[in-house]
Amino acid sequence: MADQPHEESAPKLIAHATRWVDVDGYPYIIEVVFTDANGQQHSIIDKTPLFWFDNDEEPDLDTELPVPAYLDAVILRPNLADGRVRIAIDHRSINNDGYAEFTVKAQQLT
């Protein structure tokens, strides 16, 4: 990862890389989306090296999107009602509304 090292043991939020935002220079900028426990979809746009991908391989321009993507997460409040957890995204990425904390279903974490 170019900007910050991944921690393989940290929990990860399961998401999907859905579209290229900027491919004029490397690293490419990609949109990654996920839905929180309340059904609200969130979009995070950042450089591909800031996300995890299956087999630890970043998608390239020939990759058919969407593909699974994973975000490093910190569990802030485990064991909330209805199998929910409160998490923070563990790098500089935030969603399009400026939030870095989310309530998600526990099964959305690896």
N, C-alpha and C. Protein backbone atom coordinates (compact mmCIF):
# COMPACT_ATOMS: atom_id res chain seq x y z
N MET A 1 0.84 -1.17 0.00
CA MET A 1 0.00 0.00 0.00
C MET A 1 0.89 1.23 0.00
N ALA A 2 0.58 2.17 -0.82
CA ALA A 2 1.45 3.32 -1.01
C ALA A 2 1.41 4.30 0.16
N ASP A 3 0.22 4.62 0.68
CA ASP A 3 0.11 5.68 1.67
C ASP A 3 0.16 5.21 3.11
N GLN A 4 -0.24 3.97 3.38
CA GLN A 4 -0.33 3.51 4.75
C GLN A 4 -0.39 1.99 4.74
N PRO A 5 0.35 1.32 5.63
CA PRO A 5 0.35 -0.14 5.61
C PRO A 5 -0.97 -0.70 6.12
N HIS A 6 -1.39 -1.83 5.52
CA HIS A 6 -2.56 -2.57 5.99
C HIS A 6 -2.16 -3.41 7.19
N GLU A 7 -3.10 -3.65 8.07
CA GLU A 7 -2.89 -4.59 9.16
C GLU A 7 -3.77 -5.80 8.87
N GLU A 8 -3.12 -6.94 8.55
CA GLU A 8 -3.87 -8.11 8.14
C GLU A 8 -4.76 -8.67 9.23
N SER A 9 -4.44 -8.46 10.50
CA SER A 9 -5.23 -9.03 11.58
C SER A 9 -6.41 -8.15 11.98
N ALA A 10 -6.46 -6.93 11.51
CA ALA A 10 -7.55 -6.01 11.87
C ALA A 10 -8.85 -6.47 11.21
N PRO A 11 -10.00 -6.22 11.86
CA PRO A 11 -11.26 -6.54 11.20
C PRO A 11 -11.41 -5.68 9.95
N LYS A 12 -12.13 -6.23 8.99
CA LYS A 12 -12.34 -5.51 7.73
C LYS A 12 -13.83 -5.44 7.44
N LEU A 13 -14.26 -4.30 6.94
CA LEU A 13 -15.64 -4.11 6.51
C LEU A 13 -15.75 -4.58 5.07
N ILE A 14 -16.71 -5.46 4.81
CA ILE A 14 -16.92 -5.97 3.45
C ILE A 14 -17.69 -4.92 2.65
N ALA A 15 -17.18 -4.58 1.49
CA ALA A 15 -17.79 -3.56 0.62
C ALA A 15 -17.61 -4.01 -0.83
N HIS A 16 -17.91 -3.13 -1.78
CA HIS A 16 -17.73 -3.42 -3.20
C HIS A 16 -17.15 -2.21 -3.92
N ALA A 17 -16.12 -2.45 -4.71
CA ALA A 17 -15.59 -1.42 -5.61
C ALA A 17 -16.50 -1.39 -6.82
N THR A 18 -17.08 -0.23 -7.10
CA THR A 18 -18.14 -0.16 -8.11
C THR A 18 -17.79 0.60 -9.38
N ARG A 19 -16.88 1.58 -9.27
CA ARG A 19 -16.57 2.35 -10.49
C ARG A 19 -15.24 3.07 -10.32
N TRP A 20 -14.62 3.34 -11.47
CA TRP A 20 -13.40 4.14 -11.49
C TRP A 20 -13.80 5.61 -11.44
N VAL A 21 -13.11 6.39 -10.65
CA VAL A 21 -13.38 7.82 -10.53
C VAL A 21 -12.33 8.61 -11.30
N ASP A 22 -11.07 8.19 -11.22
CA ASP A 22 -9.98 8.87 -11.92
C ASP A 22 -8.91 7.84 -12.28
N VAL A 23 -8.63 7.73 -13.56
CA VAL A 23 -7.63 6.76 -14.03
C VAL A 23 -6.53 7.45 -14.83
N ASP A 24 -6.40 8.76 -14.65
CA ASP A 24 -5.39 9.50 -15.41
C ASP A 24 -3.97 9.25 -14.93
N GLY A 25 -3.80 8.84 -13.70
CA GLY A 25 -2.47 8.56 -13.18
C GLY A 25 -2.57 7.51 -12.09
N TYR A 26 -1.45 6.84 -11.80
CA TYR A 26 -1.47 5.84 -10.75
C TYR A 26 -1.02 6.48 -9.45
N PRO A 27 -1.62 6.16 -8.32
CA PRO A 27 -2.65 5.12 -8.19
C PRO A 27 -4.01 5.63 -8.66
N TYR A 28 -4.79 4.69 -9.22
CA TYR A 28 -6.13 5.02 -9.69
C TYR A 28 -7.04 5.32 -8.49
N ILE A 29 -8.07 6.10 -8.76
CA ILE A 29 -9.07 6.43 -7.74
C ILE A 29 -10.33 5.62 -8.04
N ILE A 30 -10.86 4.96 -7.01
CA ILE A 30 -12.00 4.07 -7.18
C ILE A 30 -13.07 4.39 -6.14
N GLU A 31 -14.32 4.11 -6.48
CA GLU A 31 -15.42 4.26 -5.53
C GLU A 31 -15.73 2.90 -4.92
N VAL A 32 -15.80 2.87 -3.60
CA VAL A 32 -16.15 1.67 -2.86
C VAL A 32 -17.42 1.98 -2.06
N VAL A 33 -18.41 1.08 -2.13
CA VAL A 33 -19.68 1.32 -1.45
C VAL A 33 -20.01 0.18 -0.50
N PHE A 34 -20.77 0.51 0.53
CA PHE A 34 -21.32 -0.48 1.44
C PHE A 34 -22.62 0.08 2.00
N THR A 35 -23.43 -0.80 2.56
CA THR A 35 -24.70 -0.41 3.16
C THR A 35 -24.61 -0.62 4.67
N ASP A 36 -25.00 0.38 5.44
CA ASP A 36 -24.93 0.25 6.90
C ASP A 36 -26.11 -0.55 7.42
N ALA A 37 -26.17 -0.74 8.74
CA ALA A 37 -27.20 -1.57 9.36
C ALA A 37 -28.60 -0.99 9.21
N ASN A 38 -28.71 0.29 8.89
CA ASN A 38 -30.01 0.93 8.70
C ASN A 38 -30.43 0.97 7.24
N GLY A 39 -29.63 0.36 6.36
CA GLY A 39 -29.97 0.32 4.94
C GLY A 39 -29.47 1.50 4.14
N GLN A 40 -28.72 2.40 4.75
CA GLN A 40 -28.17 3.56 4.03
C GLN A 40 -26.89 3.17 3.32
N GLN A 41 -26.80 3.49 2.04
CA GLN A 41 -25.59 3.20 1.28
C GLN A 41 -24.58 4.34 1.47
N HIS A 42 -23.31 3.96 1.64
CA HIS A 42 -22.22 4.91 1.81
C HIS A 42 -21.21 4.69 0.70
N SER A 43 -20.63 5.77 0.24
CA SER A 43 -19.65 5.75 -0.84
C SER A 43 -18.34 6.34 -0.32
N ILE A 44 -17.26 5.60 -0.52
CA ILE A 44 -15.93 6.08 -0.15
C ILE A 44 -15.09 6.08 -1.41
N ILE A 45 -14.50 7.22 -1.71
CA ILE A 45 -13.69 7.37 -2.92
C ILE A 45 -12.26 7.64 -2.50
N ASP A 46 -11.35 6.79 -2.98
CA ASP A 46 -9.95 6.95 -2.60
C ASP A 46 -9.07 6.13 -3.54
N LYS A 47 -7.77 6.20 -3.30
CA LYS A 47 -6.79 5.47 -4.11
C LYS A 47 -6.93 3.97 -3.88
N THR A 48 -6.78 3.19 -4.95
CA THR A 48 -6.93 1.74 -4.82
C THR A 48 -6.03 1.13 -3.77
N PRO A 49 -4.78 1.59 -3.55
CA PRO A 49 -3.95 0.94 -2.53
C PRO A 49 -4.47 1.10 -1.10
N LEU A 50 -5.46 1.95 -0.88
CA LEU A 50 -5.99 2.15 0.47
C LEU A 50 -7.07 1.14 0.83
N PHE A 51 -7.42 0.27 -0.10
CA PHE A 51 -8.43 -0.76 0.13
C PHE A 51 -7.78 -2.13 0.00
N TRP A 52 -8.40 -3.12 0.61
CA TRP A 52 -8.01 -4.52 0.43
C TRP A 52 -8.85 -5.10 -0.70
N PHE A 53 -8.28 -6.05 -1.41
CA PHE A 53 -9.00 -6.76 -2.47
C PHE A 53 -8.69 -8.24 -2.35
N ASP A 54 -9.56 -9.09 -2.91
CA ASP A 54 -9.32 -10.53 -2.88
C ASP A 54 -7.95 -10.86 -3.45
N ASN A 55 -7.30 -11.83 -2.85
CA ASN A 55 -5.96 -12.28 -3.26
C ASN A 55 -4.93 -11.15 -3.18
N ASP A 56 -5.25 -10.10 -2.45
CA ASP A 56 -4.36 -8.95 -2.27
C ASP A 56 -3.92 -8.33 -3.60
N GLU A 57 -4.83 -8.39 -4.59
CA GLU A 57 -4.53 -7.84 -5.92
C GLU A 57 -5.46 -6.67 -6.21
N GLU A 58 -4.89 -5.51 -6.45
CA GLU A 58 -5.70 -4.36 -6.82
C GLU A 58 -6.33 -4.60 -8.19
N PRO A 59 -7.57 -4.14 -8.39
CA PRO A 59 -8.15 -4.23 -9.73
C PRO A 59 -7.39 -3.32 -10.69
N ASP A 60 -7.42 -3.67 -11.95
CA ASP A 60 -6.84 -2.79 -12.96
C ASP A 60 -7.95 -2.38 -13.91
N LEU A 61 -7.61 -1.62 -14.92
CA LEU A 61 -8.64 -1.07 -15.81
C LEU A 61 -9.37 -2.14 -16.60
N ASP A 62 -8.81 -3.35 -16.69
CA ASP A 62 -9.47 -4.45 -17.37
C ASP A 62 -10.39 -5.24 -16.45
N THR A 63 -10.38 -4.95 -15.17
CA THR A 63 -11.22 -5.66 -14.20
C THR A 63 -12.67 -5.24 -14.38
N GLU A 64 -13.55 -6.23 -14.45
CA GLU A 64 -14.98 -5.94 -14.55
C GLU A 64 -15.52 -5.64 -13.15
N LEU A 65 -16.02 -4.44 -12.96
CA LEU A 65 -16.57 -4.01 -11.68
C LEU A 65 -18.07 -4.28 -11.63
N PRO A 66 -18.66 -4.52 -10.47
CA PRO A 66 -18.09 -4.41 -9.14
C PRO A 66 -17.29 -5.65 -8.74
N VAL A 67 -16.37 -5.44 -7.79
CA VAL A 67 -15.60 -6.52 -7.18
C VAL A 67 -15.60 -6.30 -5.67
N PRO A 68 -15.45 -7.38 -4.89
CA PRO A 68 -15.36 -7.20 -3.44
C PRO A 68 -14.17 -6.33 -3.06
N ALA A 69 -14.38 -5.49 -2.07
CA ALA A 69 -13.32 -4.64 -1.52
C ALA A 69 -13.51 -4.63 -0.01
N TYR A 70 -12.44 -4.36 0.70
CA TYR A 70 -12.50 -4.43 2.16
C TYR A 70 -11.81 -3.21 2.73
N LEU A 71 -12.40 -2.67 3.81
CA LEU A 71 -11.84 -1.50 4.48
C LEU A 71 -11.40 -1.88 5.88
N ASP A 72 -10.19 -1.45 6.26
CA ASP A 72 -9.75 -1.66 7.64
C ASP A 72 -10.72 -0.95 8.57
N ALA A 73 -11.10 -1.63 9.65
CA ALA A 73 -12.07 -1.07 10.58
C ALA A 73 -11.61 -1.29 12.02
N VAL A 74 -12.06 -0.40 12.88
CA VAL A 74 -11.85 -0.53 14.32
C VAL A 74 -13.23 -0.68 14.94
N ILE A 75 -13.41 -1.69 15.77
CA ILE A 75 -14.70 -1.88 16.44
C ILE A 75 -14.74 -0.97 17.66
N LEU A 76 -15.69 -0.04 17.64
CA LEU A 76 -15.85 0.92 18.73
C LEU A 76 -16.81 0.41 19.80
N ARG A 77 -17.91 -0.20 19.34
CA ARG A 77 -18.92 -0.72 20.26
C ARG A 77 -19.42 -2.05 19.72
N PRO A 78 -18.93 -3.16 20.28
CA PRO A 78 -19.41 -4.47 19.84
C PRO A 78 -20.75 -4.79 20.51
N ASN A 79 -21.42 -5.78 19.98
CA ASN A 79 -22.60 -6.36 20.63
C ASN A 79 -23.74 -5.38 20.86
N LEU A 80 -24.02 -4.53 19.89
CA LEU A 80 -25.21 -3.68 19.97
C LEU A 80 -26.43 -4.54 19.67
N ALA A 81 -27.61 -3.98 19.86
CA ALA A 81 -28.85 -4.71 19.61
C ALA A 81 -28.92 -5.20 18.17
N ASP A 82 -29.60 -6.31 17.98
CA ASP A 82 -29.87 -6.88 16.66
C ASP A 82 -28.60 -7.22 15.88
N GLY A 83 -27.54 -7.64 16.57
CA GLY A 83 -26.33 -8.08 15.89
C GLY A 83 -25.57 -6.96 15.19
N ARG A 84 -25.68 -5.77 15.70
CA ARG A 84 -25.00 -4.62 15.10
C ARG A 84 -23.73 -4.28 15.89
N VAL A 85 -22.81 -3.60 15.21
CA VAL A 85 -21.59 -3.11 15.85
C VAL A 85 -21.32 -1.70 15.34
N ARG A 86 -20.69 -0.89 16.16
CA ARG A 86 -20.28 0.46 15.75
C ARG A 86 -18.80 0.38 15.40
N ILE A 87 -18.46 0.87 14.20
CA ILE A 87 -17.08 0.80 13.73
C ILE A 87 -16.60 2.17 13.28
N ALA A 88 -15.29 2.29 13.17
CA ALA A 88 -14.66 3.45 12.53
C ALA A 88 -13.80 2.91 11.40
N ILE A 89 -13.75 3.62 10.31
CA ILE A 89 -12.87 3.27 9.20
C ILE A 89 -11.45 3.64 9.62
N ASP A 90 -10.53 2.68 9.50
CA ASP A 90 -9.18 2.83 10.05
C ASP A 90 -8.17 3.33 9.02
N HIS A 91 -8.50 4.36 8.29
CA HIS A 91 -7.53 5.12 7.51
C HIS A 91 -8.19 6.42 7.11
N ARG A 92 -7.55 7.20 6.32
CA ARG A 92 -8.02 8.57 6.07
C ARG A 92 -9.33 8.65 5.30
N SER A 93 -9.79 7.55 4.71
CA SER A 93 -11.01 7.58 3.92
C SER A 93 -12.24 7.86 4.77
N ILE A 94 -13.11 8.69 4.24
CA ILE A 94 -14.41 8.91 4.86
C ILE A 94 -15.45 8.84 3.77
N ASN A 95 -16.72 8.71 4.15
CA ASN A 95 -17.76 8.62 3.14
C ASN A 95 -18.09 10.00 2.58
N ASN A 96 -18.99 10.03 1.62
CA ASN A 96 -19.31 11.28 0.93
C ASN A 96 -19.99 12.31 1.84
N ASP A 97 -20.47 11.90 3.02
CA ASP A 97 -21.07 12.84 3.96
C ASP A 97 -20.10 13.29 5.04
N GLY A 98 -18.87 12.81 5.00
CA GLY A 98 -17.87 13.24 5.95
C GLY A 98 -17.77 12.41 7.22
N TYR A 99 -18.50 11.30 7.31
CA TYR A 99 -18.46 10.47 8.50
C TYR A 99 -17.40 9.38 8.38
N ALA A 100 -16.77 9.05 9.49
CA ALA A 100 -15.81 7.96 9.53
C ALA A 100 -16.28 6.85 10.45
N GLU A 101 -17.42 7.02 11.13
CA GLU A 101 -17.99 5.99 12.01
C GLU A 101 -19.32 5.53 11.44
N PHE A 102 -19.58 4.21 11.60
CA PHE A 102 -20.78 3.62 11.03
C PHE A 102 -21.28 2.52 11.95
N THR A 103 -22.59 2.27 11.93
CA THR A 103 -23.16 1.10 12.58
C THR A 103 -23.49 0.12 11.47
N VAL A 104 -22.92 -1.08 11.56
CA VAL A 104 -23.11 -2.11 10.54
C VAL A 104 -23.53 -3.40 11.22
N LYS A 105 -23.99 -4.36 10.43
CA LYS A 105 -24.29 -5.69 10.94
C LYS A 105 -22.97 -6.42 11.17
N ALA A 106 -22.91 -7.18 12.25
CA ALA A 106 -21.67 -7.88 12.60
C ALA A 106 -21.18 -8.76 11.45
N GLN A 107 -22.08 -9.36 10.68
CA GLN A 107 -21.66 -10.24 9.59
C GLN A 107 -21.06 -9.47 8.41
N GLN A 108 -21.07 -8.14 8.45
CA GLN A 108 -20.42 -7.35 7.42
C GLN A 108 -18.92 -7.20 7.68
N LEU A 109 -18.44 -7.76 8.79
CA LEU A 109 -17.02 -7.70 9.12
C LEU A 109 -16.38 -9.07 8.92
N THR A 110 -15.12 -9.05 8.48
CA THR A 110 -14.39 -10.31 8.36
C THR A 110 -13.78 -10.67 9.70
